[in-house]
Amino acid sequence: MTSELEVVYTANTPMEAEVIRGLLESNGITVLLHGEAASHIYGLTMGQLGGIQVLVRDEEAEAARELLQEEK
C-alpha cells in the first residue's frame, strides 16, 4: 500500500523549511520538502511562488501538526 503525502506546513524560506524538517525528523516523522529548488534558483523567498511545502505521509500528518502546534 502506497502512502499519500500531505502538506502540513508551508515555509517562507529554505532555512525555516529545514528547521521544520529537523523538528519533525527528530521525532521520527519522514519529511519531503517540495519547492525548495525554486527558492534557490530564482531567489524567491516569499509568497506562493517562494513557499516551500513540508510534506509527510498521511498517517503521520496528525502527529506532525501536533508537534508544530506545540512549537508555536
N, C-alpha and C. Protein backbone atom coordinates (compact mmCIF):
# COMPACT_ATOMS: atom_id res chain seq x y z
N MET A 1 0.84 -1.18 0.00
CA MET A 1 0.00 0.00 0.00
C MET A 1 0.88 1.24 0.00
N THR A 2 0.60 2.15 -0.89
CA THR A 2 1.38 3.37 -1.02
C THR A 2 0.75 4.48 -0.20
N SER A 3 1.57 5.17 0.57
CA SER A 3 1.08 6.29 1.36
C SER A 3 0.95 7.54 0.50
N GLU A 4 -0.05 8.31 0.77
CA GLU A 4 -0.21 9.62 0.14
C GLU A 4 0.55 10.62 0.97
N LEU A 5 0.95 11.73 0.36
CA LEU A 5 1.63 12.79 1.08
C LEU A 5 0.67 13.93 1.35
N GLU A 6 0.88 14.59 2.46
CA GLU A 6 0.02 15.70 2.86
C GLU A 6 0.89 16.88 3.29
N VAL A 7 0.51 18.07 2.85
CA VAL A 7 1.22 19.29 3.26
C VAL A 7 0.81 19.62 4.69
N VAL A 8 1.80 19.74 5.57
CA VAL A 8 1.50 20.09 6.96
C VAL A 8 2.00 21.49 7.31
N TYR A 9 2.80 22.08 6.42
CA TYR A 9 3.34 23.41 6.69
C TYR A 9 3.89 23.98 5.39
N THR A 10 3.81 25.28 5.23
CA THR A 10 4.46 25.96 4.11
C THR A 10 5.40 27.00 4.68
N ALA A 11 6.67 26.81 4.41
CA ALA A 11 7.71 27.70 4.93
C ALA A 11 7.97 28.82 3.93
N ASN A 12 8.39 29.97 4.44
CA ASN A 12 8.68 31.11 3.57
C ASN A 12 10.13 31.15 3.11
N THR A 13 11.01 30.46 3.82
CA THR A 13 12.44 30.46 3.47
C THR A 13 13.00 29.05 3.56
N PRO A 14 14.08 28.77 2.84
CA PRO A 14 14.72 27.46 2.95
C PRO A 14 15.16 27.15 4.39
N MET A 15 15.65 28.15 5.11
CA MET A 15 16.09 27.92 6.48
C MET A 15 14.91 27.49 7.37
N GLU A 16 13.79 28.16 7.23
CA GLU A 16 12.60 27.81 8.01
C GLU A 16 12.17 26.38 7.69
N ALA A 17 12.20 26.01 6.41
CA ALA A 17 11.82 24.66 5.99
C ALA A 17 12.74 23.62 6.62
N GLU A 18 14.04 23.91 6.66
CA GLU A 18 15.00 22.97 7.24
C GLU A 18 14.80 22.83 8.75
N VAL A 19 14.45 23.91 9.42
CA VAL A 19 14.19 23.85 10.87
C VAL A 19 12.97 22.96 11.12
N ILE A 20 11.92 23.14 10.33
CA ILE A 20 10.72 22.33 10.47
C ILE A 20 11.04 20.87 10.17
N ARG A 21 11.81 20.64 9.10
CA ARG A 21 12.20 19.27 8.76
C ARG A 21 12.96 18.63 9.92
N GLY A 22 13.90 19.36 10.50
CA GLY A 22 14.69 18.85 11.61
C GLY A 22 13.82 18.48 12.81
N LEU A 23 12.86 19.34 13.13
CA LEU A 23 11.95 19.08 14.25
C LEU A 23 11.17 17.79 14.01
N LEU A 24 10.59 17.68 12.83
CA LEU A 24 9.76 16.51 12.54
C LEU A 24 10.59 15.23 12.46
N GLU A 25 11.72 15.29 11.76
CA GLU A 25 12.55 14.10 11.62
C GLU A 25 13.14 13.65 12.96
N SER A 26 13.44 14.59 13.85
CA SER A 26 13.97 14.21 15.16
C SER A 26 12.91 13.52 16.02
N ASN A 27 11.66 13.62 15.58
CA ASN A 27 10.55 12.95 16.26
C ASN A 27 10.06 11.74 15.46
N GLY A 28 10.88 11.28 14.52
CA GLY A 28 10.58 10.06 13.79
C GLY A 28 9.63 10.19 12.63
N ILE A 29 9.38 11.41 12.17
CA ILE A 29 8.46 11.64 11.06
C ILE A 29 9.27 11.90 9.78
N THR A 30 8.98 11.11 8.76
CA THR A 30 9.67 11.27 7.48
C THR A 30 9.13 12.50 6.76
N VAL A 31 10.04 13.32 6.23
CA VAL A 31 9.66 14.60 5.62
C VAL A 31 10.19 14.71 4.20
N LEU A 32 9.39 15.30 3.34
CA LEU A 32 9.80 15.66 1.99
C LEU A 32 9.54 17.14 1.82
N LEU A 33 10.53 17.87 1.32
CA LEU A 33 10.34 19.29 1.03
C LEU A 33 10.08 19.44 -0.46
N HIS A 34 9.09 20.26 -0.80
CA HIS A 34 8.75 20.49 -2.20
C HIS A 34 8.77 21.98 -2.48
N GLY A 35 9.52 22.36 -3.51
CA GLY A 35 9.58 23.77 -3.91
C GLY A 35 10.85 24.46 -3.48
N GLU A 36 11.76 23.74 -2.83
CA GLU A 36 12.97 24.39 -2.36
C GLU A 36 13.90 24.77 -3.51
N ALA A 37 13.86 24.04 -4.61
CA ALA A 37 14.74 24.35 -5.73
C ALA A 37 14.43 25.72 -6.32
N ALA A 38 13.15 26.06 -6.43
CA ALA A 38 12.77 27.36 -7.00
C ALA A 38 13.31 28.50 -6.16
N SER A 39 13.31 28.32 -4.85
CA SER A 39 13.80 29.40 -4.00
C SER A 39 15.31 29.60 -4.18
N HIS A 40 16.01 28.53 -4.46
CA HIS A 40 17.46 28.64 -4.67
C HIS A 40 17.78 29.17 -6.07
N ILE A 41 17.08 28.67 -7.07
CA ILE A 41 17.36 29.04 -8.46
C ILE A 41 16.92 30.46 -8.76
N TYR A 42 15.70 30.81 -8.36
CA TYR A 42 15.14 32.10 -8.74
C TYR A 42 15.21 33.15 -7.64
N GLY A 43 15.64 32.75 -6.46
CA GLY A 43 15.75 33.70 -5.36
C GLY A 43 14.42 34.08 -4.76
N LEU A 44 13.38 33.29 -5.02
CA LEU A 44 12.07 33.57 -4.46
C LEU A 44 12.03 33.07 -3.03
N THR A 45 11.62 33.94 -2.13
CA THR A 45 11.62 33.52 -0.73
C THR A 45 10.31 33.81 -0.01
N MET A 46 9.36 34.42 -0.70
CA MET A 46 8.10 34.75 -0.03
C MET A 46 6.93 34.54 -0.96
N GLY A 47 5.78 34.35 -0.39
CA GLY A 47 4.56 34.24 -1.18
C GLY A 47 4.40 32.87 -1.78
N GLN A 48 3.38 32.73 -2.62
CA GLN A 48 3.03 31.44 -3.19
C GLN A 48 4.14 30.86 -4.05
N LEU A 49 4.83 31.69 -4.80
CA LEU A 49 5.89 31.17 -5.66
C LEU A 49 7.11 30.74 -4.88
N GLY A 50 7.35 31.36 -3.73
CA GLY A 50 8.55 31.05 -2.97
C GLY A 50 8.33 30.11 -1.82
N GLY A 51 7.10 29.70 -1.58
CA GLY A 51 6.82 28.83 -0.45
C GLY A 51 7.40 27.44 -0.64
N ILE A 52 7.88 26.87 0.44
CA ILE A 52 8.41 25.52 0.42
C ILE A 52 7.45 24.65 1.23
N GLN A 53 6.85 23.69 0.56
CA GLN A 53 5.89 22.82 1.22
C GLN A 53 6.60 21.72 1.99
N VAL A 54 6.15 21.52 3.23
CA VAL A 54 6.65 20.44 4.06
C VAL A 54 5.60 19.34 4.01
N LEU A 55 5.97 18.21 3.42
CA LEU A 55 5.04 17.10 3.24
C LEU A 55 5.43 15.91 4.11
N VAL A 56 4.41 15.22 4.61
CA VAL A 56 4.61 13.99 5.38
C VAL A 56 3.59 12.97 4.89
N ARG A 57 3.81 11.71 5.27
CA ARG A 57 2.83 10.68 4.91
C ARG A 57 1.52 10.94 5.64
N ASP A 58 0.41 10.59 4.99
CA ASP A 58 -0.92 10.80 5.58
C ASP A 58 -1.01 10.31 7.02
N GLU A 59 -0.48 9.13 7.27
CA GLU A 59 -0.62 8.54 8.60
C GLU A 59 0.22 9.25 9.66
N GLU A 60 1.14 10.13 9.23
CA GLU A 60 1.95 10.90 10.18
C GLU A 60 1.54 12.36 10.26
N ALA A 61 0.56 12.76 9.45
CA ALA A 61 0.18 14.17 9.35
C ALA A 61 -0.35 14.73 10.67
N GLU A 62 -1.19 13.99 11.34
CA GLU A 62 -1.77 14.49 12.59
C GLU A 62 -0.68 14.70 13.65
N ALA A 63 0.22 13.73 13.78
CA ALA A 63 1.32 13.85 14.74
C ALA A 63 2.22 15.03 14.39
N ALA A 64 2.46 15.24 13.09
CA ALA A 64 3.30 16.35 12.64
C ALA A 64 2.65 17.69 13.00
N ARG A 65 1.37 17.81 12.75
CA ARG A 65 0.66 19.06 13.07
C ARG A 65 0.67 19.33 14.57
N GLU A 66 0.51 18.28 15.36
CA GLU A 66 0.55 18.46 16.81
C GLU A 66 1.92 18.96 17.27
N LEU A 67 2.99 18.38 16.72
CA LEU A 67 4.33 18.85 17.07
C LEU A 67 4.53 20.31 16.67
N LEU A 68 4.06 20.67 15.49
CA LEU A 68 4.22 22.04 15.02
C LEU A 68 3.41 23.00 15.89
N GLN A 69 2.23 22.57 16.31
CA GLN A 69 1.39 23.40 17.17
C GLN A 69 2.07 23.63 18.53
N GLU A 70 2.69 22.59 19.06
CA GLU A 70 3.38 22.69 20.35
C GLU A 70 4.55 23.68 20.29
N GLU A 71 5.17 23.79 19.13
CA GLU A 71 6.35 24.64 18.98
C GLU A 71 6.02 26.10 18.75
N LYS A 72 4.76 26.41 18.51
CA LYS A 72 4.37 27.82 18.27
C LYS A 72 4.50 28.64 19.52
